[in-house]
Amino acid sequence: MKFKNVFAFIIVSVFVVMALAAAQHSFAVRKEAVPNNASSTTAAYWKAPSEDKAYPKWSNMSKPWIYVSIKQQKVFIHGNGKVQYIMNCSTGVPSSPTPRGTFHVQKERGYSFYNKHSHEGAHYWVSWLDHGVYLFHSVPTNAKGKYVVSEAEKLGTPASHGCVRLSIADAKWMYQTVPFGTKVVVH
């Protein structure tokens, strides 16, 4: 009788360990499918900073510049000879691609805009080409300034009309921090 209890205990223990391992694997797979900042499942990732660390202080960086990777759908903030911060982004769709090349942040920037032609707007915009045509900005808003969730959830995949979309927090940091004349490389 004692042998049967020990054997049953071992079998049950093996099943419990297997179930816990499967649950942990399932959680890890779900977590990988969500962008970098997804440590909090209660807040939409398109609202939050892309990384779980503080944004770099611009004045503490030597020769800061910005690299936009169309292939990776990431914006890399460089300074002091290395990457300081990585942001998730959405660049242009194939029918309206983001221009490639070396540019510089222009004087134009603003809190919000709305384009009646494309039926989209955004917050926290900073121009980097054609004086207000190509921008860094937040995920899209509608005519009332409300975020369009279906578009915001595309962050990390090509989805824009050529601008570089960022999370709300990342766009606000860019708007408040990155000065006129900063080099922007898009490739």
N, C-alpha and C. Protein backbone atom coordinates (compact mmCIF):
# COMPACT_ATOMS: atom_id res chain seq x y z
N MET A 1 0.83 -1.19 0.00
CA MET A 1 0.00 0.00 0.00
C MET A 1 0.87 1.26 0.00
N LYS A 2 1.96 1.24 0.78
CA LYS A 2 2.85 2.37 0.85
C LYS A 2 3.51 2.64 -0.50
N PHE A 3 3.91 1.59 -1.21
CA PHE A 3 4.57 1.70 -2.51
C PHE A 3 3.64 2.39 -3.52
N LYS A 4 2.35 2.05 -3.49
CA LYS A 4 1.39 2.67 -4.41
C LYS A 4 1.27 4.17 -4.15
N ASN A 5 1.27 4.59 -2.88
CA ASN A 5 1.18 6.01 -2.55
C ASN A 5 2.41 6.77 -3.03
N VAL A 6 3.58 6.21 -2.85
CA VAL A 6 4.81 6.86 -3.29
C VAL A 6 4.82 6.96 -4.82
N PHE A 7 4.43 5.87 -5.48
CA PHE A 7 4.39 5.87 -6.94
C PHE A 7 3.39 6.91 -7.45
N ALA A 8 2.22 7.00 -6.85
CA ALA A 8 1.20 7.98 -7.25
C ALA A 8 1.72 9.41 -7.02
N PHE A 9 2.41 9.60 -5.90
CA PHE A 9 2.97 10.92 -5.60
C PHE A 9 3.99 11.32 -6.67
N ILE A 10 4.83 10.40 -7.09
CA ILE A 10 5.84 10.68 -8.11
C ILE A 10 5.17 11.03 -9.44
N ILE A 11 4.16 10.27 -9.83
CA ILE A 11 3.46 10.52 -11.09
C ILE A 11 2.79 11.89 -11.06
N VAL A 12 2.11 12.21 -9.98
CA VAL A 12 1.44 13.51 -9.86
C VAL A 12 2.48 14.63 -9.89
N SER A 13 3.60 14.45 -9.21
CA SER A 13 4.66 15.46 -9.20
C SER A 13 5.21 15.71 -10.60
N VAL A 14 5.40 14.66 -11.36
CA VAL A 14 5.90 14.79 -12.73
C VAL A 14 4.90 15.59 -13.57
N PHE A 15 3.62 15.29 -13.45
CA PHE A 15 2.61 16.03 -14.20
C PHE A 15 2.55 17.50 -13.79
N VAL A 16 2.68 17.78 -12.51
CA VAL A 16 2.66 19.17 -12.04
C VAL A 16 3.86 19.94 -12.61
N VAL A 17 5.04 19.34 -12.56
CA VAL A 17 6.23 19.99 -13.11
C VAL A 17 6.07 20.23 -14.60
N MET A 18 5.53 19.26 -15.33
CA MET A 18 5.32 19.42 -16.78
C MET A 18 4.31 20.54 -17.05
N ALA A 19 3.26 20.61 -16.27
CA ALA A 19 2.25 21.65 -16.47
C ALA A 19 2.83 23.04 -16.20
N LEU A 20 3.64 23.15 -15.15
CA LEU A 20 4.27 24.43 -14.85
C LEU A 20 5.25 24.84 -15.94
N ALA A 21 6.00 23.90 -16.47
CA ALA A 21 6.95 24.20 -17.56
C ALA A 21 6.19 24.64 -18.80
N ALA A 22 5.10 23.98 -19.11
CA ALA A 22 4.30 24.35 -20.29
C ALA A 22 3.70 25.75 -20.11
N ALA A 23 3.23 26.05 -18.92
CA ALA A 23 2.66 27.37 -18.66
C ALA A 23 3.73 28.45 -18.77
N GLN A 24 4.92 28.17 -18.23
CA GLN A 24 6.01 29.15 -18.32
C GLN A 24 6.42 29.37 -19.76
N HIS A 25 6.49 28.31 -20.56
CA HIS A 25 6.84 28.44 -21.98
C HIS A 25 5.78 29.24 -22.72
N SER A 26 4.51 28.98 -22.43
CA SER A 26 3.43 29.71 -23.07
C SER A 26 3.51 31.19 -22.75
N PHE A 27 3.81 31.53 -21.49
CA PHE A 27 3.94 32.93 -21.11
C PHE A 27 5.12 33.57 -21.82
N ALA A 28 6.23 32.87 -21.90
CA ALA A 28 7.43 33.42 -22.56
C ALA A 28 7.16 33.68 -24.04
N VAL A 29 6.44 32.79 -24.70
CA VAL A 29 6.13 32.99 -26.12
C VAL A 29 5.24 34.20 -26.30
N ARG A 30 4.22 34.35 -25.46
CA ARG A 30 3.34 35.53 -25.54
C ARG A 30 4.12 36.80 -25.28
N LYS A 31 5.03 36.79 -24.31
CA LYS A 31 5.79 37.98 -23.98
C LYS A 31 6.69 38.39 -25.14
N GLU A 32 7.32 37.43 -25.84
CA GLU A 32 8.18 37.74 -26.96
C GLU A 32 7.42 38.36 -28.12
N ALA A 33 6.13 38.05 -28.26
CA ALA A 33 5.35 38.55 -29.38
C ALA A 33 4.98 40.02 -29.21
N VAL A 34 5.17 40.56 -28.01
CA VAL A 34 4.82 41.94 -27.73
C VAL A 34 6.11 42.76 -27.69
N PRO A 35 6.09 44.00 -28.15
CA PRO A 35 7.30 44.82 -28.18
C PRO A 35 8.01 44.95 -26.84
N ASN A 36 9.24 45.53 -26.89
CA ASN A 36 10.18 45.62 -25.77
C ASN A 36 9.57 46.03 -24.44
N ASN A 37 8.66 46.96 -24.44
CA ASN A 37 8.21 47.57 -23.20
C ASN A 37 7.08 46.82 -22.52
N ALA A 38 6.73 45.66 -22.97
CA ALA A 38 5.49 45.01 -22.57
C ALA A 38 5.55 44.35 -21.21
N SER A 39 6.30 44.89 -20.28
CA SER A 39 6.35 44.29 -18.95
C SER A 39 5.02 44.47 -18.23
N SER A 40 4.26 45.46 -18.61
CA SER A 40 2.95 45.68 -18.00
C SER A 40 1.87 45.30 -18.99
N THR A 41 1.04 44.33 -18.61
CA THR A 41 -0.02 43.90 -19.51
C THR A 41 -1.25 44.78 -19.40
N THR A 42 -1.29 45.68 -18.42
CA THR A 42 -2.46 46.53 -18.26
C THR A 42 -2.42 47.76 -19.15
N ALA A 43 -1.24 48.25 -19.48
CA ALA A 43 -1.11 49.44 -20.33
C ALA A 43 -0.76 49.01 -21.75
N ALA A 44 -1.35 49.68 -22.71
CA ALA A 44 -1.04 49.40 -24.11
C ALA A 44 0.40 49.78 -24.39
N TYR A 45 1.13 48.91 -25.05
CA TYR A 45 2.55 49.16 -25.32
C TYR A 45 2.76 50.40 -26.17
N TRP A 46 1.78 50.78 -26.97
CA TRP A 46 1.91 51.96 -27.83
C TRP A 46 1.77 53.27 -27.08
N LYS A 47 1.48 53.20 -25.80
CA LYS A 47 1.41 54.40 -24.97
C LYS A 47 2.72 54.64 -24.21
N ALA A 48 3.43 53.58 -23.91
CA ALA A 48 4.56 53.60 -22.98
C ALA A 48 5.91 53.78 -23.66
N PRO A 49 6.95 54.09 -22.88
CA PRO A 49 8.30 54.10 -23.44
C PRO A 49 8.65 52.71 -23.98
N SER A 50 9.48 52.68 -25.00
CA SER A 50 9.84 51.40 -25.62
C SER A 50 10.75 50.55 -24.74
N GLU A 51 11.53 51.17 -23.87
CA GLU A 51 12.42 50.41 -23.00
C GLU A 51 12.05 50.65 -21.54
N ASP A 52 12.44 49.68 -20.72
CA ASP A 52 12.19 49.78 -19.28
C ASP A 52 13.36 50.46 -18.57
N LYS A 53 13.81 51.56 -19.14
CA LYS A 53 14.87 52.35 -18.52
C LYS A 53 14.62 53.81 -18.87
N ALA A 54 15.31 54.69 -18.18
CA ALA A 54 15.12 56.12 -18.42
C ALA A 54 15.64 56.51 -19.80
N TYR A 55 15.00 57.50 -20.38
CA TYR A 55 15.50 58.05 -21.64
C TYR A 55 16.87 58.68 -21.39
N PRO A 56 17.71 58.69 -22.41
CA PRO A 56 19.02 59.32 -22.22
C PRO A 56 18.90 60.83 -22.07
N LYS A 57 19.78 61.42 -21.30
CA LYS A 57 19.81 62.87 -21.15
C LYS A 57 20.65 63.43 -22.30
N TRP A 58 20.00 64.22 -23.15
CA TRP A 58 20.63 64.71 -24.38
C TRP A 58 21.94 65.45 -24.09
N SER A 59 21.93 66.29 -23.07
CA SER A 59 23.12 67.10 -22.76
C SER A 59 24.30 66.27 -22.26
N ASN A 60 24.04 65.04 -21.84
CA ASN A 60 25.12 64.17 -21.37
C ASN A 60 25.72 63.32 -22.49
N MET A 61 25.19 63.45 -23.71
CA MET A 61 25.68 62.64 -24.82
C MET A 61 26.60 63.45 -25.71
N SER A 62 27.68 62.84 -26.12
CA SER A 62 28.60 63.44 -27.08
C SER A 62 28.16 63.02 -28.48
N LYS A 63 28.04 63.98 -29.39
CA LYS A 63 27.66 63.75 -30.78
C LYS A 63 26.41 62.87 -30.94
N PRO A 64 25.29 63.26 -30.33
CA PRO A 64 24.06 62.46 -30.47
C PRO A 64 23.49 62.54 -31.88
N TRP A 65 22.92 61.43 -32.33
CA TRP A 65 22.26 61.38 -33.62
C TRP A 65 21.23 60.25 -33.59
N ILE A 66 20.40 60.17 -34.63
CA ILE A 66 19.28 59.22 -34.67
C ILE A 66 19.40 58.34 -35.91
N TYR A 67 19.23 57.03 -35.72
CA TYR A 67 19.22 56.09 -36.82
C TYR A 67 17.85 55.40 -36.86
N VAL A 68 17.19 55.44 -38.01
CA VAL A 68 15.90 54.77 -38.20
C VAL A 68 16.15 53.56 -39.08
N SER A 69 15.87 52.37 -38.55
CA SER A 69 16.00 51.13 -39.31
C SER A 69 14.64 50.73 -39.86
N ILE A 70 14.49 50.85 -41.18
CA ILE A 70 13.23 50.45 -41.80
C ILE A 70 13.06 48.94 -41.68
N LYS A 71 14.13 48.19 -41.86
CA LYS A 71 14.07 46.73 -41.77
C LYS A 71 13.64 46.25 -40.38
N GLN A 72 14.21 46.86 -39.34
CA GLN A 72 13.92 46.43 -37.98
C GLN A 72 12.72 47.14 -37.36
N GLN A 73 12.25 48.23 -38.00
CA GLN A 73 11.17 49.05 -37.43
C GLN A 73 11.55 49.52 -36.02
N LYS A 74 12.75 50.10 -35.96
CA LYS A 74 13.31 50.62 -34.71
C LYS A 74 13.97 51.97 -34.97
N VAL A 75 13.98 52.81 -33.94
CA VAL A 75 14.71 54.07 -33.94
C VAL A 75 15.78 53.94 -32.87
N PHE A 76 17.03 54.15 -33.27
CA PHE A 76 18.17 54.03 -32.36
C PHE A 76 18.69 55.42 -32.04
N ILE A 77 18.71 55.77 -30.75
CA ILE A 77 19.27 57.03 -30.30
C ILE A 77 20.74 56.76 -29.97
N HIS A 78 21.64 57.39 -30.75
CA HIS A 78 23.08 57.20 -30.56
C HIS A 78 23.67 58.39 -29.82
N GLY A 79 24.67 58.11 -29.02
CA GLY A 79 25.44 59.16 -28.34
C GLY A 79 26.61 58.52 -27.63
N ASN A 80 27.67 59.28 -27.44
CA ASN A 80 28.87 58.75 -26.80
C ASN A 80 29.42 57.53 -27.52
N GLY A 81 29.20 57.47 -28.84
CA GLY A 81 29.75 56.39 -29.64
C GLY A 81 29.01 55.07 -29.56
N LYS A 82 27.81 55.05 -28.97
CA LYS A 82 27.06 53.80 -28.88
C LYS A 82 25.56 54.08 -28.81
N VAL A 83 24.78 53.03 -28.95
CA VAL A 83 23.32 53.15 -28.86
C VAL A 83 22.95 53.39 -27.40
N GLN A 84 22.17 54.45 -27.18
CA GLN A 84 21.73 54.81 -25.83
C GLN A 84 20.30 54.36 -25.53
N TYR A 85 19.47 54.26 -26.59
CA TYR A 85 18.06 53.93 -26.39
C TYR A 85 17.50 53.41 -27.71
N ILE A 86 16.58 52.46 -27.64
CA ILE A 86 15.94 51.90 -28.84
C ILE A 86 14.43 52.06 -28.70
N MET A 87 13.82 52.64 -29.73
CA MET A 87 12.37 52.84 -29.76
C MET A 87 11.74 51.98 -30.84
N ASN A 88 10.56 51.46 -30.56
CA ASN A 88 9.76 50.79 -31.58
C ASN A 88 9.16 51.86 -32.49
N CYS A 89 9.04 51.56 -33.76
CA CYS A 89 8.44 52.54 -34.66
C CYS A 89 7.66 51.85 -35.77
N SER A 90 6.95 52.64 -36.53
CA SER A 90 6.31 52.20 -37.77
C SER A 90 6.69 53.19 -38.85
N THR A 91 7.31 52.69 -39.91
CA THR A 91 7.65 53.54 -41.04
C THR A 91 6.61 53.34 -42.13
N GLY A 92 6.88 53.89 -43.31
CA GLY A 92 5.90 53.88 -44.38
C GLY A 92 5.62 52.52 -44.98
N VAL A 93 4.40 52.38 -45.48
CA VAL A 93 4.00 51.18 -46.21
C VAL A 93 4.64 51.23 -47.60
N PRO A 94 4.71 50.10 -48.32
CA PRO A 94 5.36 50.11 -49.64
C PRO A 94 4.80 51.14 -50.63
N SER A 95 3.52 51.41 -50.57
CA SER A 95 2.93 52.38 -51.50
C SER A 95 3.23 53.83 -51.12
N SER A 96 3.72 54.05 -49.90
CA SER A 96 4.06 55.39 -49.41
C SER A 96 5.27 55.27 -48.49
N PRO A 97 6.43 54.94 -49.06
CA PRO A 97 7.60 54.61 -48.24
C PRO A 97 8.22 55.80 -47.52
N THR A 98 8.93 55.50 -46.46
CA THR A 98 9.72 56.49 -45.76
C THR A 98 10.99 56.75 -46.56
N PRO A 99 11.30 58.01 -46.84
CA PRO A 99 12.52 58.31 -47.60
C PRO A 99 13.78 57.82 -46.87
N ARG A 100 14.73 57.32 -47.63
CA ARG A 100 16.00 56.86 -47.08
C ARG A 100 17.07 57.90 -47.35
N GLY A 101 18.01 58.02 -46.42
CA GLY A 101 19.12 58.95 -46.61
C GLY A 101 19.51 59.59 -45.29
N THR A 102 20.30 60.64 -45.39
CA THR A 102 20.75 61.39 -44.22
C THR A 102 20.05 62.74 -44.23
N PHE A 103 19.40 63.06 -43.12
CA PHE A 103 18.62 64.28 -42.99
C PHE A 103 18.98 64.95 -41.67
N HIS A 104 18.32 66.03 -41.34
CA HIS A 104 18.52 66.71 -40.07
C HIS A 104 17.18 67.20 -39.54
N VAL A 105 17.02 67.16 -38.22
CA VAL A 105 15.80 67.66 -37.59
C VAL A 105 15.65 69.13 -37.97
N GLN A 106 14.45 69.48 -38.41
CA GLN A 106 14.17 70.84 -38.86
C GLN A 106 13.50 71.64 -37.74
N LYS A 107 13.31 72.91 -37.97
CA LYS A 107 12.76 73.80 -36.93
C LYS A 107 11.31 73.49 -36.60
N GLU A 108 10.57 72.96 -37.56
CA GLU A 108 9.13 72.74 -37.37
C GLU A 108 8.88 71.60 -36.39
N ARG A 109 8.02 71.86 -35.43
CA ARG A 109 7.55 70.85 -34.47
C ARG A 109 6.28 71.37 -33.82
N GLY A 110 5.49 70.46 -33.27
CA GLY A 110 4.25 70.92 -32.65
C GLY A 110 3.61 69.86 -31.78
N TYR A 111 2.60 70.30 -31.04
CA TYR A 111 1.90 69.40 -30.12
C TYR A 111 0.99 68.43 -30.88
N SER A 112 0.27 68.93 -31.90
CA SER A 112 -0.64 68.03 -32.62
C SER A 112 -0.93 68.58 -34.01
N PHE A 113 -1.42 67.69 -34.86
CA PHE A 113 -1.87 68.08 -36.20
C PHE A 113 -2.96 67.10 -36.63
N TYR A 114 -3.71 67.49 -37.66
CA TYR A 114 -4.68 66.60 -38.28
C TYR A 114 -4.65 66.87 -39.78
N ASN A 115 -4.54 65.81 -40.58
CA ASN A 115 -4.50 65.90 -42.04
C ASN A 115 -5.84 65.40 -42.57
N LYS A 116 -6.65 66.30 -43.11
CA LYS A 116 -7.97 65.91 -43.63
C LYS A 116 -7.87 64.94 -44.80
N HIS A 117 -6.80 65.08 -45.59
CA HIS A 117 -6.63 64.21 -46.76
C HIS A 117 -6.44 62.74 -46.35
N SER A 118 -5.61 62.50 -45.34
CA SER A 118 -5.36 61.12 -44.90
C SER A 118 -6.27 60.70 -43.76
N HIS A 119 -7.06 61.63 -43.23
CA HIS A 119 -7.97 61.36 -42.11
C HIS A 119 -7.22 60.87 -40.88
N GLU A 120 -6.01 61.40 -40.69
CA GLU A 120 -5.21 61.04 -39.53
C GLU A 120 -4.47 62.25 -39.01
N GLY A 121 -4.24 62.23 -37.74
CA GLY A 121 -3.40 63.24 -37.10
C GLY A 121 -2.47 62.53 -36.14
N ALA A 122 -1.80 63.31 -35.30
CA ALA A 122 -0.91 62.74 -34.30
C ALA A 122 -0.53 63.82 -33.31
N HIS A 123 0.11 63.41 -32.25
CA HIS A 123 0.64 64.33 -31.25
C HIS A 123 2.16 64.29 -31.29
N TYR A 124 2.76 65.32 -30.72
CA TYR A 124 4.22 65.41 -30.52
C TYR A 124 5.01 65.16 -31.81
N TRP A 125 4.89 66.05 -32.76
CA TRP A 125 5.56 65.86 -34.04
C TRP A 125 6.81 66.73 -34.16
N VAL A 126 7.80 66.15 -34.85
CA VAL A 126 9.08 66.81 -35.11
C VAL A 126 9.42 66.55 -36.57
N SER A 127 9.64 67.61 -37.34
CA SER A 127 9.94 67.48 -38.76
C SER A 127 11.41 67.12 -38.98
N TRP A 128 11.64 66.20 -39.94
CA TRP A 128 13.02 65.86 -40.31
C TRP A 128 13.24 65.93 -41.83
N LEU A 129 12.18 66.20 -42.62
CA LEU A 129 12.34 66.34 -44.06
C LEU A 129 11.16 67.12 -44.65
N ASP A 130 11.44 68.02 -45.55
CA ASP A 130 10.45 68.80 -46.29
C ASP A 130 9.57 69.68 -45.40
N HIS A 131 10.12 70.16 -44.31
CA HIS A 131 9.49 71.17 -43.45
C HIS A 131 8.03 70.88 -43.12
N GLY A 132 7.83 69.76 -42.46
CA GLY A 132 6.49 69.40 -41.99
C GLY A 132 5.83 68.27 -42.77
N VAL A 133 6.53 67.74 -43.77
CA VAL A 133 5.95 66.63 -44.55
C VAL A 133 6.32 65.29 -43.92
N TYR A 134 7.59 65.09 -43.60
CA TYR A 134 8.05 63.84 -42.98
C TYR A 134 8.44 64.13 -41.54
N LEU A 135 7.80 63.38 -40.65
CA LEU A 135 7.88 63.68 -39.23
C LEU A 135 8.18 62.44 -38.39
N PHE A 136 8.68 62.67 -37.19
CA PHE A 136 8.55 61.73 -36.08
C PHE A 136 7.27 62.18 -35.39
N HIS A 137 6.40 61.26 -35.03
CA HIS A 137 5.19 61.64 -34.30
C HIS A 137 4.60 60.43 -33.59
N SER A 138 3.61 60.68 -32.76
CA SER A 138 2.94 59.61 -32.02
C SER A 138 2.15 58.71 -32.97
N VAL A 139 1.63 57.64 -32.41
CA VAL A 139 0.68 56.82 -33.16
C VAL A 139 -0.50 57.72 -33.54
N PRO A 140 -1.25 57.36 -34.58
CA PRO A 140 -2.27 58.27 -35.13
C PRO A 140 -3.44 58.60 -34.21
N THR A 141 -3.99 59.80 -34.48
CA THR A 141 -5.20 60.25 -33.81
C THR A 141 -6.27 60.51 -34.87
N ASN A 142 -7.52 60.60 -34.42
CA ASN A 142 -8.61 60.94 -35.34
C ASN A 142 -8.83 62.46 -35.32
N ALA A 143 -9.88 62.92 -35.97
CA ALA A 143 -10.15 64.36 -36.08
C ALA A 143 -10.39 65.01 -34.72
N LYS A 144 -10.79 64.24 -33.72
CA LYS A 144 -11.04 64.77 -32.38
C LYS A 144 -9.81 64.67 -31.48
N GLY A 145 -8.69 64.19 -32.02
CA GLY A 145 -7.46 64.07 -31.24
C GLY A 145 -7.37 62.81 -30.40
N LYS A 146 -8.29 61.88 -30.60
CA LYS A 146 -8.28 60.61 -29.86
C LYS A 146 -7.42 59.60 -30.62
N TYR A 147 -6.67 58.81 -29.90
CA TYR A 147 -5.81 57.82 -30.53
C TYR A 147 -6.64 56.74 -31.22
N VAL A 148 -6.21 56.35 -32.42
CA VAL A 148 -6.87 55.32 -33.21
C VAL A 148 -6.21 54.00 -32.83
N VAL A 149 -6.87 53.23 -31.96
CA VAL A 149 -6.28 52.03 -31.40
C VAL A 149 -5.89 51.02 -32.48
N SER A 150 -6.73 50.84 -33.48
CA SER A 150 -6.42 49.87 -34.54
C SER A 150 -5.13 50.24 -35.27
N GLU A 151 -4.84 51.51 -35.41
CA GLU A 151 -3.59 51.96 -36.04
C GLU A 151 -2.44 51.91 -35.03
N ALA A 152 -2.71 52.28 -33.79
CA ALA A 152 -1.67 52.28 -32.75
C ALA A 152 -1.12 50.87 -32.54
N GLU A 153 -1.99 49.88 -32.64
CA GLU A 153 -1.56 48.49 -32.43
C GLU A 153 -0.68 47.96 -33.56
N LYS A 154 -0.51 48.73 -34.63
CA LYS A 154 0.39 48.34 -35.71
C LYS A 154 1.83 48.76 -35.44
N LEU A 155 2.06 49.47 -34.32
CA LEU A 155 3.40 49.93 -34.00
C LEU A 155 4.38 48.76 -34.03
N GLY A 156 5.46 48.94 -34.77
CA GLY A 156 6.44 47.87 -34.95
C GLY A 156 6.38 47.22 -36.32
N THR A 157 5.39 47.64 -37.13
CA THR A 157 5.27 47.15 -38.50
C THR A 157 5.08 48.36 -39.41
N PRO A 158 5.47 48.27 -40.69
CA PRO A 158 5.24 49.40 -41.60
C PRO A 158 3.75 49.72 -41.67
N ALA A 159 3.39 50.98 -41.42
CA ALA A 159 1.97 51.34 -41.36
C ALA A 159 1.69 52.79 -41.71
N SER A 160 2.72 53.62 -41.84
CA SER A 160 2.49 55.06 -42.01
C SER A 160 2.45 55.46 -43.48
N HIS A 161 2.23 56.76 -43.68
CA HIS A 161 2.26 57.33 -45.03
C HIS A 161 3.66 57.84 -45.37
N GLY A 162 4.67 57.47 -44.58
CA GLY A 162 6.05 57.87 -44.81
C GLY A 162 6.71 58.47 -43.58
N CYS A 163 5.92 58.90 -42.62
CA CYS A 163 6.46 59.41 -41.37
C CYS A 163 6.97 58.25 -40.51
N VAL A 164 7.58 58.59 -39.39
CA VAL A 164 8.05 57.59 -38.43
C VAL A 164 7.16 57.70 -37.19
N ARG A 165 6.29 56.72 -37.02
CA ARG A 165 5.38 56.69 -35.87
C ARG A 165 6.12 56.12 -34.67
N LEU A 166 5.83 56.69 -33.50
CA LEU A 166 6.42 56.25 -32.24
C LEU A 166 5.32 56.07 -31.20
N SER A 167 5.65 55.39 -30.11
CA SER A 167 4.70 55.33 -29.00
C SER A 167 4.47 56.75 -28.50
N ILE A 168 3.41 56.95 -27.75
CA ILE A 168 3.09 58.28 -27.25
C ILE A 168 4.25 58.83 -26.40
N ALA A 169 4.75 58.01 -25.48
CA ALA A 169 5.84 58.45 -24.60
C ALA A 169 7.11 58.75 -25.39
N ASP A 170 7.45 57.89 -26.35
CA ASP A 170 8.66 58.10 -27.15
C ASP A 170 8.54 59.37 -27.99
N ALA A 171 7.37 59.59 -28.60
CA ALA A 171 7.16 60.79 -29.41
C ALA A 171 7.25 62.05 -28.54
N LYS A 172 6.70 62.00 -27.34
CA LYS A 172 6.77 63.15 -26.43
C LYS A 172 8.21 63.46 -26.05
N TRP A 173 9.01 62.41 -25.77
CA TRP A 173 10.41 62.63 -25.45
C TRP A 173 11.14 63.26 -26.63
N MET A 174 10.89 62.75 -27.83
CA MET A 174 11.53 63.28 -29.04
C MET A 174 11.15 64.76 -29.21
N TYR A 175 9.89 65.07 -29.07
CA TYR A 175 9.37 66.44 -29.22
C TYR A 175 10.00 67.40 -28.20
N GLN A 176 10.13 66.94 -26.96
CA GLN A 176 10.65 67.79 -25.89
C GLN A 176 12.17 67.86 -25.84
N THR A 177 12.86 66.89 -26.47
CA THR A 177 14.29 66.72 -26.23
C THR A 177 15.18 66.97 -27.43
N VAL A 178 14.85 66.41 -28.58
CA VAL A 178 15.76 66.40 -29.71
C VAL A 178 15.82 67.79 -30.36
N PRO A 179 17.01 68.39 -30.41
CA PRO A 179 17.11 69.76 -30.93
C PRO A 179 17.19 69.86 -32.44
N PHE A 180 16.91 71.05 -32.92
CA PHE A 180 17.05 71.42 -34.32
C PHE A 180 18.47 71.08 -34.77
N GLY A 181 18.59 70.51 -35.97
CA GLY A 181 19.89 70.21 -36.54
C GLY A 181 20.43 68.82 -36.26
N THR A 182 19.75 68.04 -35.41
CA THR A 182 20.22 66.69 -35.10
C THR A 182 20.20 65.83 -36.35
N LYS A 183 21.29 65.10 -36.59
CA LYS A 183 21.38 64.22 -37.75
C LYS A 183 20.43 63.04 -37.60
N VAL A 184 19.73 62.73 -38.71
CA VAL A 184 18.80 61.60 -38.77
C VAL A 184 19.19 60.77 -39.99
N VAL A 185 19.54 59.52 -39.76
CA VAL A 185 19.88 58.60 -40.86
C VAL A 185 18.75 57.58 -40.96
N VAL A 186 18.18 57.45 -42.14
CA VAL A 186 17.09 56.49 -42.38
C VAL A 186 17.59 55.48 -43.39
N HIS A 187 17.55 54.23 -43.02
CA HIS A 187 17.99 53.18 -43.94
C HIS A 187 17.19 51.91 -43.72
